């Protein structure tokens, strides 16, 4: 395990936090995902748990995945220029589903004149071409809600998903 992969320690608590869970998503019809894959791998190599959605994700798909995976951060990668149409939909769905403690960041082709509007939506980090992976890793670590990391992830039974109890004779099958 490298220094970057060491678990984060809560100062003064003596507890080790769980790894940061990050969703890397490609919203819209953008079919280019090399940059998103590079970021996903860098985050993974830095000790984070990464869920990569693949290309051509709808806002609904992204928010559903974020909820199902109980992520701490969502990183949106977009190159198509549709960010001002797609980002508001994602943010609205997150709000409607009560997701207000998850870091949202974006990367790709984001014109400077759009950054203030993107930040006003609640998207905190905006990274363009040439952004260093170390800067993105540091941003995620610095801005993820530390209270989220102090909590264990819910078990399936706590999440409300049905759990089948083993029946007598199941092991013999």
N, C-alpha and C. Protein backbone atom coordinates (compact mmCIF):
# COMPACT_ATOMS: atom_id res chain seq x y z
N UNK A 1 0.85 -1.18 0.00
CA UNK A 1 0.00 0.00 0.00
C UNK A 1 0.89 1.23 0.00
N UNK A 2 0.64 2.17 -0.92
CA UNK A 2 1.44 3.39 -0.98
C UNK A 2 0.91 4.40 0.02
N UNK A 3 1.66 5.50 0.20
CA UNK A 3 1.21 6.57 1.11
C UNK A 3 -0.14 7.11 0.68
N UNK A 4 -0.38 7.21 -0.64
CA UNK A 4 -1.66 7.74 -1.13
C UNK A 4 -2.81 6.80 -0.80
N UNK A 5 -2.56 5.52 -0.60
CA UNK A 5 -3.61 4.55 -0.38
C UNK A 5 -3.90 4.32 1.10
N UNK A 6 -3.20 4.98 1.99
CA UNK A 6 -3.42 4.79 3.41
C UNK A 6 -4.80 5.29 3.79
N UNK A 7 -5.51 4.58 4.69
CA UNK A 7 -6.80 5.07 5.13
C UNK A 7 -6.65 6.42 5.83
N UNK A 8 -7.71 7.20 5.77
CA UNK A 8 -7.71 8.51 6.41
C UNK A 8 -8.08 8.33 7.87
N UNK A 9 -7.39 9.01 8.77
CA UNK A 9 -7.67 8.90 10.20
C UNK A 9 -8.37 10.17 10.66
N UNK A 10 -9.46 9.99 11.41
CA UNK A 10 -10.18 11.12 11.98
C UNK A 10 -9.34 11.65 13.12
N UNK A 11 -8.98 12.91 13.06
CA UNK A 11 -8.16 13.51 14.10
C UNK A 11 -8.87 13.44 15.45
N UNK A 12 -8.18 12.95 16.44
CA UNK A 12 -8.69 12.94 17.81
C UNK A 12 -9.67 11.83 18.12
N UNK A 13 -10.22 11.18 17.11
CA UNK A 13 -11.22 10.16 17.38
C UNK A 13 -10.60 8.78 17.52
N UNK A 14 -9.43 8.59 16.91
CA UNK A 14 -8.78 7.29 16.99
C UNK A 14 -9.42 6.25 16.08
N UNK A 15 -10.37 6.66 15.26
CA UNK A 15 -11.04 5.74 14.35
C UNK A 15 -10.51 5.92 12.94
N UNK A 16 -10.59 4.88 12.16
CA UNK A 16 -10.23 4.97 10.76
C UNK A 16 -11.51 5.13 9.96
N UNK A 17 -11.52 6.11 9.06
CA UNK A 17 -12.69 6.32 8.22
C UNK A 17 -12.71 5.29 7.11
N UNK A 18 -13.89 5.03 6.61
CA UNK A 18 -14.01 4.15 5.45
C UNK A 18 -13.52 4.88 4.21
N UNK A 19 -13.20 4.16 3.15
CA UNK A 19 -12.74 4.83 1.93
C UNK A 19 -13.83 5.73 1.35
N UNK A 20 -13.41 6.76 0.68
CA UNK A 20 -14.34 7.65 -0.02
C UNK A 20 -14.89 6.88 -1.21
N UNK A 21 -16.22 6.96 -1.38
CA UNK A 21 -16.89 6.30 -2.52
C UNK A 21 -17.23 7.37 -3.55
N UNK A 22 -16.70 7.20 -4.77
CA UNK A 22 -16.86 8.21 -5.81
C UNK A 22 -17.56 7.59 -7.03
N UNK A 23 -18.56 8.30 -7.53
CA UNK A 23 -19.22 7.94 -8.77
C UNK A 23 -18.64 8.82 -9.87
N UNK A 24 -18.06 8.20 -10.90
CA UNK A 24 -17.59 8.93 -12.07
C UNK A 24 -18.59 8.65 -13.17
N UNK A 25 -19.24 9.73 -13.65
CA UNK A 25 -20.34 9.56 -14.60
C UNK A 25 -20.13 10.38 -15.86
N UNK A 26 -20.60 9.84 -16.97
CA UNK A 26 -20.54 10.49 -18.28
C UNK A 26 -21.97 10.80 -18.73
N UNK A 27 -22.49 12.00 -18.40
CA UNK A 27 -23.87 12.31 -18.76
C UNK A 27 -24.02 12.68 -20.23
N UNK A 28 -25.21 12.45 -20.74
CA UNK A 28 -25.55 12.87 -22.10
C UNK A 28 -25.01 11.94 -23.16
N UNK A 29 -24.94 12.46 -24.36
CA UNK A 29 -24.57 11.65 -25.52
C UNK A 29 -23.08 11.63 -25.81
N UNK A 30 -22.31 12.19 -24.91
CA UNK A 30 -20.86 12.23 -25.05
C UNK A 30 -20.31 10.80 -25.06
N UNK A 31 -19.61 10.44 -26.11
CA UNK A 31 -19.09 9.08 -26.23
C UNK A 31 -17.61 8.95 -25.95
N UNK A 32 -16.95 10.02 -25.54
CA UNK A 32 -15.52 9.99 -25.28
C UNK A 32 -15.28 9.85 -23.79
N UNK A 33 -14.63 8.77 -23.39
CA UNK A 33 -14.49 8.53 -21.94
C UNK A 33 -13.07 8.28 -21.48
N UNK A 34 -12.09 8.55 -22.31
CA UNK A 34 -10.71 8.29 -21.90
C UNK A 34 -10.35 9.09 -20.64
N UNK A 35 -10.69 10.38 -20.61
CA UNK A 35 -10.38 11.22 -19.45
C UNK A 35 -11.07 10.72 -18.19
N UNK A 36 -12.34 10.32 -18.32
CA UNK A 36 -13.07 9.81 -17.16
C UNK A 36 -12.43 8.54 -16.63
N UNK A 37 -11.96 7.70 -17.53
CA UNK A 37 -11.31 6.46 -17.10
C UNK A 37 -9.98 6.74 -16.42
N UNK A 38 -9.25 7.74 -16.91
CA UNK A 38 -7.99 8.12 -16.27
C UNK A 38 -8.26 8.61 -14.86
N UNK A 39 -9.26 9.46 -14.70
CA UNK A 39 -9.62 9.99 -13.38
C UNK A 39 -10.09 8.86 -12.46
N UNK A 40 -10.93 7.98 -12.98
CA UNK A 40 -11.43 6.86 -12.17
C UNK A 40 -10.27 6.00 -11.66
N UNK A 41 -9.33 5.73 -12.53
CA UNK A 41 -8.18 4.91 -12.12
C UNK A 41 -7.31 5.64 -11.09
N UNK A 42 -7.10 6.94 -11.29
CA UNK A 42 -6.29 7.72 -10.34
C UNK A 42 -6.96 7.75 -8.97
N UNK A 43 -8.27 7.93 -8.94
CA UNK A 43 -8.99 7.93 -7.66
C UNK A 43 -8.88 6.57 -6.99
N UNK A 44 -9.02 5.51 -7.77
CA UNK A 44 -8.89 4.15 -7.24
C UNK A 44 -7.49 3.92 -6.69
N UNK A 45 -6.49 4.34 -7.44
CA UNK A 45 -5.10 4.16 -7.00
C UNK A 45 -4.79 4.98 -5.75
N UNK A 46 -5.60 6.03 -5.51
CA UNK A 46 -5.43 6.86 -4.32
C UNK A 46 -6.21 6.29 -3.13
N UNK A 47 -6.78 5.09 -3.29
CA UNK A 47 -7.45 4.43 -2.17
C UNK A 47 -8.94 4.66 -2.09
N UNK A 48 -9.52 5.29 -3.09
CA UNK A 48 -10.97 5.51 -3.08
C UNK A 48 -11.68 4.37 -3.77
N UNK A 49 -12.94 4.15 -3.38
CA UNK A 49 -13.78 3.19 -4.09
C UNK A 49 -14.45 3.95 -5.23
N UNK A 50 -14.32 3.44 -6.45
CA UNK A 50 -14.81 4.16 -7.62
C UNK A 50 -15.86 3.31 -8.34
N UNK A 51 -16.96 3.95 -8.66
CA UNK A 51 -18.01 3.35 -9.48
C UNK A 51 -18.02 4.16 -10.77
N UNK A 52 -17.76 3.51 -11.89
CA UNK A 52 -17.76 4.20 -13.19
C UNK A 52 -19.01 3.77 -13.94
N UNK A 53 -19.81 4.74 -14.39
CA UNK A 53 -21.10 4.43 -15.02
C UNK A 53 -20.99 4.02 -16.47
N UNK A 54 -19.91 4.39 -17.12
CA UNK A 54 -19.86 4.20 -18.56
C UNK A 54 -20.44 5.42 -19.26
N UNK A 55 -20.50 5.38 -20.57
CA UNK A 55 -20.94 6.54 -21.35
C UNK A 55 -22.45 6.59 -21.51
N UNK A 56 -22.92 7.75 -21.95
CA UNK A 56 -24.31 8.00 -22.34
C UNK A 56 -25.31 7.75 -21.21
N UNK A 57 -25.05 8.35 -20.06
CA UNK A 57 -25.91 8.20 -18.90
C UNK A 57 -26.90 9.36 -18.82
N UNK A 58 -28.15 9.04 -18.51
CA UNK A 58 -29.16 10.08 -18.30
C UNK A 58 -29.01 10.64 -16.89
N UNK A 59 -29.53 11.83 -16.64
CA UNK A 59 -29.51 12.34 -15.26
C UNK A 59 -30.15 11.36 -14.28
N UNK A 60 -31.25 10.73 -14.67
CA UNK A 60 -31.92 9.76 -13.81
C UNK A 60 -31.01 8.58 -13.49
N UNK A 61 -30.31 8.08 -14.47
CA UNK A 61 -29.41 6.94 -14.26
C UNK A 61 -28.29 7.31 -13.29
N UNK A 62 -27.76 8.52 -13.43
CA UNK A 62 -26.67 8.96 -12.57
C UNK A 62 -27.15 9.08 -11.13
N UNK A 63 -28.30 9.70 -10.93
CA UNK A 63 -28.82 9.89 -9.57
C UNK A 63 -29.21 8.55 -8.95
N UNK A 64 -29.83 7.67 -9.72
CA UNK A 64 -30.17 6.34 -9.19
C UNK A 64 -28.92 5.58 -8.76
N UNK A 65 -27.88 5.63 -9.57
CA UNK A 65 -26.64 4.95 -9.22
C UNK A 65 -26.04 5.57 -7.96
N UNK A 66 -26.04 6.89 -7.87
CA UNK A 66 -25.51 7.57 -6.69
C UNK A 66 -26.25 7.12 -5.43
N UNK A 67 -27.57 6.99 -5.53
CA UNK A 67 -28.36 6.56 -4.38
C UNK A 67 -28.09 5.09 -4.04
N UNK A 68 -28.08 4.24 -5.04
CA UNK A 68 -27.88 2.81 -4.82
C UNK A 68 -26.49 2.52 -4.25
N UNK A 69 -25.50 3.26 -4.70
CA UNK A 69 -24.12 3.02 -4.27
C UNK A 69 -23.74 3.83 -3.04
N UNK A 70 -24.62 4.71 -2.58
CA UNK A 70 -24.38 5.55 -1.40
C UNK A 70 -23.01 6.24 -1.50
N UNK A 71 -22.83 6.98 -2.61
CA UNK A 71 -21.54 7.61 -2.87
C UNK A 71 -21.36 8.88 -2.05
N UNK A 72 -20.11 9.24 -1.85
CA UNK A 72 -19.74 10.45 -1.14
C UNK A 72 -19.48 11.60 -2.11
N UNK A 73 -19.19 11.27 -3.36
CA UNK A 73 -18.90 12.29 -4.37
C UNK A 73 -19.37 11.80 -5.73
N UNK A 74 -19.80 12.75 -6.55
CA UNK A 74 -20.16 12.47 -7.94
C UNK A 74 -19.29 13.37 -8.80
N UNK A 75 -18.51 12.76 -9.69
CA UNK A 75 -17.69 13.52 -10.63
C UNK A 75 -18.28 13.34 -12.01
N UNK A 76 -18.72 14.43 -12.60
CA UNK A 76 -19.36 14.41 -13.91
C UNK A 76 -18.35 14.82 -14.96
N UNK A 77 -18.22 14.02 -16.00
CA UNK A 77 -17.28 14.32 -17.09
C UNK A 77 -18.08 14.54 -18.36
N UNK A 78 -17.93 15.73 -18.95
CA UNK A 78 -18.71 16.05 -20.15
C UNK A 78 -17.87 16.85 -21.13
N UNK A 79 -17.92 16.43 -22.37
CA UNK A 79 -17.17 17.10 -23.43
C UNK A 79 -18.08 17.65 -24.52
N UNK A 80 -19.37 17.32 -24.47
CA UNK A 80 -20.29 17.61 -25.56
C UNK A 80 -20.78 19.05 -25.62
N UNK A 81 -20.59 19.82 -24.55
CA UNK A 81 -21.12 21.17 -24.53
C UNK A 81 -22.55 21.26 -24.02
N UNK A 82 -23.11 20.14 -23.60
CA UNK A 82 -24.50 20.11 -23.12
C UNK A 82 -24.59 20.28 -21.60
N UNK A 83 -23.52 20.70 -20.97
CA UNK A 83 -23.49 20.78 -19.50
C UNK A 83 -24.55 21.71 -18.93
N UNK A 84 -24.86 22.82 -19.60
CA UNK A 84 -25.84 23.76 -19.06
C UNK A 84 -27.27 23.24 -19.21
N UNK A 85 -27.48 22.20 -20.00
CA UNK A 85 -28.79 21.55 -20.10
C UNK A 85 -28.88 20.35 -19.15
N UNK A 86 -27.77 19.63 -18.99
CA UNK A 86 -27.79 18.38 -18.22
C UNK A 86 -27.53 18.60 -16.74
N UNK A 87 -26.57 19.44 -16.38
CA UNK A 87 -26.24 19.64 -14.97
C UNK A 87 -27.43 20.09 -14.13
N UNK A 88 -28.26 21.05 -14.61
CA UNK A 88 -29.42 21.43 -13.78
C UNK A 88 -30.38 20.27 -13.52
N UNK A 89 -30.54 19.38 -14.49
CA UNK A 89 -31.42 18.22 -14.31
C UNK A 89 -30.87 17.29 -13.24
N UNK A 90 -29.56 17.06 -13.27
CA UNK A 90 -28.93 16.20 -12.26
C UNK A 90 -29.09 16.82 -10.88
N UNK A 91 -28.82 18.10 -10.77
CA UNK A 91 -28.90 18.77 -9.47
C UNK A 91 -30.33 18.77 -8.94
N UNK A 92 -31.30 18.96 -9.83
CA UNK A 92 -32.72 18.94 -9.42
C UNK A 92 -33.10 17.55 -8.90
N UNK A 93 -32.69 16.52 -9.59
CA UNK A 93 -33.00 15.15 -9.16
C UNK A 93 -32.32 14.82 -7.83
N UNK A 94 -31.10 15.27 -7.65
CA UNK A 94 -30.42 15.05 -6.37
C UNK A 94 -31.20 15.73 -5.24
N UNK A 95 -31.62 16.97 -5.47
CA UNK A 95 -32.38 17.71 -4.47
C UNK A 95 -33.71 17.01 -4.18
N UNK A 96 -34.42 16.59 -5.22
CA UNK A 96 -35.71 15.93 -5.05
C UNK A 96 -35.59 14.63 -4.26
N UNK A 97 -34.42 14.00 -4.32
CA UNK A 97 -34.19 12.74 -3.61
C UNK A 97 -33.48 12.94 -2.28
N UNK A 98 -33.37 14.18 -1.84
CA UNK A 98 -32.78 14.47 -0.53
C UNK A 98 -31.29 14.25 -0.43
N UNK A 99 -30.61 14.27 -1.56
CA UNK A 99 -29.15 14.07 -1.56
C UNK A 99 -28.51 15.45 -1.52
N UNK A 100 -28.12 15.87 -0.32
CA UNK A 100 -27.57 17.21 -0.16
C UNK A 100 -26.21 17.22 0.53
N UNK A 101 -25.68 16.04 0.82
CA UNK A 101 -24.39 15.98 1.51
C UNK A 101 -23.32 15.28 0.67
N UNK A 102 -23.55 15.24 -0.64
CA UNK A 102 -22.62 14.59 -1.56
C UNK A 102 -21.89 15.67 -2.35
N UNK A 103 -20.57 15.54 -2.46
CA UNK A 103 -19.77 16.46 -3.25
C UNK A 103 -20.07 16.24 -4.73
N UNK A 104 -20.33 17.32 -5.46
CA UNK A 104 -20.53 17.24 -6.90
C UNK A 104 -19.42 18.06 -7.55
N UNK A 105 -18.70 17.46 -8.48
CA UNK A 105 -17.65 18.15 -9.22
C UNK A 105 -17.81 17.80 -10.69
N UNK A 106 -17.22 18.61 -11.55
CA UNK A 106 -17.35 18.37 -12.99
C UNK A 106 -16.02 18.59 -13.68
N UNK A 107 -15.90 17.95 -14.82
CA UNK A 107 -14.70 18.11 -15.62
C UNK A 107 -15.02 17.95 -17.08
N UNK A 108 -14.10 18.37 -17.91
CA UNK A 108 -14.29 18.28 -19.34
C UNK A 108 -14.15 19.64 -19.98
N UNK A 109 -14.96 19.87 -21.00
CA UNK A 109 -14.96 21.15 -21.69
C UNK A 109 -16.01 22.04 -21.05
N UNK A 110 -15.58 22.90 -20.14
CA UNK A 110 -16.47 23.80 -19.42
C UNK A 110 -15.96 25.23 -19.65
N UNK A 111 -16.64 25.98 -20.52
CA UNK A 111 -16.17 27.34 -20.81
C UNK A 111 -16.11 28.21 -19.55
N UNK A 112 -15.10 29.07 -19.48
CA UNK A 112 -14.91 29.94 -18.32
C UNK A 112 -16.17 30.74 -18.01
N UNK A 113 -16.89 31.19 -19.03
CA UNK A 113 -18.07 32.02 -18.79
C UNK A 113 -19.22 31.21 -18.15
N UNK A 114 -19.17 29.88 -18.22
CA UNK A 114 -20.21 29.05 -17.62
C UNK A 114 -19.90 28.66 -16.17
N UNK A 115 -18.66 28.81 -15.74
CA UNK A 115 -18.25 28.36 -14.41
C UNK A 115 -19.08 29.00 -13.29
N UNK A 116 -19.33 30.32 -13.29
CA UNK A 116 -20.14 30.89 -12.21
C UNK A 116 -21.54 30.25 -12.12
N UNK A 117 -22.17 30.00 -13.25
CA UNK A 117 -23.51 29.38 -13.25
C UNK A 117 -23.42 27.93 -12.77
N UNK A 118 -22.38 27.23 -13.17
CA UNK A 118 -22.20 25.83 -12.73
C UNK A 118 -21.99 25.79 -11.23
N UNK A 119 -21.17 26.68 -10.71
CA UNK A 119 -20.93 26.73 -9.27
C UNK A 119 -22.19 27.13 -8.51
N UNK A 120 -23.00 28.01 -9.09
CA UNK A 120 -24.25 28.43 -8.45
C UNK A 120 -25.24 27.26 -8.32
N UNK A 121 -25.10 26.27 -9.20
CA UNK A 121 -25.95 25.07 -9.12
C UNK A 121 -25.56 24.19 -7.93
N UNK A 122 -24.36 24.39 -7.39
CA UNK A 122 -23.87 23.55 -6.31
C UNK A 122 -22.76 22.61 -6.72
N UNK A 123 -22.27 22.78 -7.94
CA UNK A 123 -21.17 21.95 -8.43
C UNK A 123 -19.89 22.67 -8.03
N UNK A 124 -19.18 22.11 -7.05
CA UNK A 124 -18.07 22.82 -6.40
C UNK A 124 -16.77 22.82 -7.18
N UNK A 125 -16.41 21.73 -7.77
CA UNK A 125 -15.13 21.65 -8.47
C UNK A 125 -15.35 21.58 -9.96
N UNK A 126 -14.57 22.33 -10.70
CA UNK A 126 -14.67 22.32 -12.15
C UNK A 126 -13.27 22.22 -12.73
N UNK A 127 -13.02 21.12 -13.42
CA UNK A 127 -11.68 20.82 -13.92
C UNK A 127 -11.71 20.70 -15.44
N UNK A 128 -10.85 21.44 -16.08
CA UNK A 128 -10.77 21.42 -17.54
C UNK A 128 -9.67 20.52 -18.04
N UNK A 129 -9.47 20.54 -19.35
CA UNK A 129 -8.40 19.74 -19.95
C UNK A 129 -7.05 20.11 -19.32
N UNK A 130 -6.25 19.10 -19.06
CA UNK A 130 -4.93 19.32 -18.49
C UNK A 130 -4.90 19.36 -16.97
N UNK A 131 -6.07 19.24 -16.33
CA UNK A 131 -6.09 19.23 -14.86
C UNK A 131 -5.27 18.04 -14.36
N UNK A 132 -4.50 18.26 -13.33
CA UNK A 132 -3.67 17.19 -12.78
C UNK A 132 -4.51 16.26 -11.92
N UNK A 133 -4.28 14.97 -12.08
CA UNK A 133 -5.05 14.00 -11.28
C UNK A 133 -4.82 14.22 -9.79
N UNK A 134 -3.60 14.62 -9.41
CA UNK A 134 -3.31 14.87 -7.99
C UNK A 134 -4.18 16.01 -7.45
N UNK A 135 -4.45 17.02 -8.29
CA UNK A 135 -5.30 18.13 -7.86
C UNK A 135 -6.75 17.68 -7.66
N UNK A 136 -7.21 16.80 -8.53
CA UNK A 136 -8.58 16.29 -8.41
C UNK A 136 -8.70 15.41 -7.17
N UNK A 137 -7.72 14.54 -6.95
CA UNK A 137 -7.71 13.69 -5.75
C UNK A 137 -7.73 14.55 -4.50
N UNK A 138 -6.86 15.55 -4.45
CA UNK A 138 -6.80 16.43 -3.28
C UNK A 138 -8.12 17.17 -3.09
N UNK A 139 -8.73 17.63 -4.18
CA UNK A 139 -10.01 18.34 -4.08
C UNK A 139 -11.08 17.43 -3.49
N UNK A 140 -11.16 16.20 -3.97
CA UNK A 140 -12.17 15.27 -3.46
C UNK A 140 -11.93 15.02 -1.97
N UNK A 141 -10.70 14.72 -1.60
CA UNK A 141 -10.40 14.45 -0.18
C UNK A 141 -10.74 15.65 0.70
N UNK A 142 -10.45 16.83 0.21
CA UNK A 142 -10.66 18.05 0.99
C UNK A 142 -12.13 18.44 1.12
N UNK A 143 -12.94 18.12 0.10
CA UNK A 143 -14.31 18.62 0.08
C UNK A 143 -15.40 17.60 0.36
N UNK A 144 -15.06 16.31 0.44
CA UNK A 144 -16.09 15.32 0.81
C UNK A 144 -16.48 15.58 2.25
N UNK A 145 -17.76 15.46 2.53
CA UNK A 145 -18.30 15.68 3.88
C UNK A 145 -17.72 14.63 4.82
N UNK A 146 -16.88 15.06 5.76
CA UNK A 146 -16.21 14.12 6.66
C UNK A 146 -17.19 13.37 7.55
N UNK A 147 -18.35 13.96 7.83
CA UNK A 147 -19.35 13.26 8.65
C UNK A 147 -19.88 12.02 7.93
N UNK A 148 -19.97 12.09 6.60
CA UNK A 148 -20.40 10.91 5.84
C UNK A 148 -19.43 9.75 6.02
N UNK A 149 -18.13 10.09 6.08
CA UNK A 149 -17.11 9.05 6.16
C UNK A 149 -17.03 8.42 7.55
N UNK A 150 -17.57 9.08 8.54
CA UNK A 150 -17.56 8.53 9.89
C UNK A 150 -18.62 7.46 10.07
N UNK A 151 -19.61 7.45 9.17
CA UNK A 151 -20.70 6.49 9.25
C UNK A 151 -20.38 5.27 8.39
N UNK A 152 -20.75 4.12 8.89
CA UNK A 152 -20.62 2.91 8.09
C UNK A 152 -21.68 2.93 7.01
N UNK A 153 -21.41 2.26 5.92
CA UNK A 153 -22.42 2.12 4.88
C UNK A 153 -23.52 1.20 5.40
N UNK A 154 -24.78 1.47 5.02
CA UNK A 154 -25.86 0.61 5.51
C UNK A 154 -25.75 -0.79 4.92
N UNK A 155 -26.16 -1.78 5.71
CA UNK A 155 -26.23 -3.13 5.19
C UNK A 155 -27.45 -3.24 4.31
N UNK A 156 -27.57 -4.30 3.57
CA UNK A 156 -28.73 -4.48 2.71
C UNK A 156 -30.02 -4.45 3.53
N UNK A 157 -30.02 -5.09 4.68
CA UNK A 157 -31.23 -5.11 5.50
C UNK A 157 -31.59 -3.70 5.96
N UNK A 158 -30.61 -2.86 6.29
CA UNK A 158 -30.90 -1.50 6.73
C UNK A 158 -31.33 -0.61 5.58
N UNK A 159 -30.96 -0.95 4.36
CA UNK A 159 -31.27 -0.10 3.23
C UNK A 159 -32.69 -0.29 2.74
N UNK A 160 -33.38 -1.31 3.22
CA UNK A 160 -34.75 -1.54 2.80
C UNK A 160 -34.89 -2.57 1.70
N UNK A 161 -33.79 -3.03 1.15
CA UNK A 161 -33.86 -4.05 0.11
C UNK A 161 -34.24 -5.38 0.74
N UNK A 162 -35.11 -6.14 0.08
CA UNK A 162 -35.52 -7.42 0.67
C UNK A 162 -34.35 -8.39 0.74
N UNK A 163 -34.31 -9.14 1.82
CA UNK A 163 -33.27 -10.13 2.02
C UNK A 163 -33.95 -11.48 2.24
N UNK A 164 -33.59 -12.45 1.42
CA UNK A 164 -34.17 -13.78 1.58
C UNK A 164 -33.40 -14.53 2.65
N UNK A 165 -34.12 -15.10 3.56
CA UNK A 165 -33.51 -15.92 4.59
C UNK A 165 -33.26 -17.30 4.00
N UNK A 166 -32.13 -17.92 4.31
CA UNK A 166 -31.85 -19.27 3.79
C UNK A 166 -32.91 -20.25 4.31
N UNK A 167 -33.34 -21.11 3.44
CA UNK A 167 -34.33 -22.11 3.80
C UNK A 167 -33.62 -23.43 4.09
N UNK A 168 -34.24 -24.24 4.93
CA UNK A 168 -33.67 -25.55 5.24
C UNK A 168 -33.50 -26.33 3.94
N UNK A 169 -32.37 -26.94 3.76
CA UNK A 169 -32.12 -27.74 2.55
C UNK A 169 -31.49 -26.96 1.42
N UNK A 170 -31.38 -25.61 1.53
CA UNK A 170 -30.77 -24.81 0.47
C UNK A 170 -29.32 -25.18 0.23
N UNK A 171 -28.60 -25.50 1.29
CA UNK A 171 -27.17 -25.82 1.15
C UNK A 171 -26.97 -27.11 0.38
N UNK A 172 -27.92 -28.00 0.42
CA UNK A 172 -27.78 -29.29 -0.25
C UNK A 172 -28.01 -29.19 -1.73
N UNK A 173 -28.61 -28.11 -2.19
CA UNK A 173 -28.93 -27.98 -3.62
C UNK A 173 -27.73 -27.66 -4.44
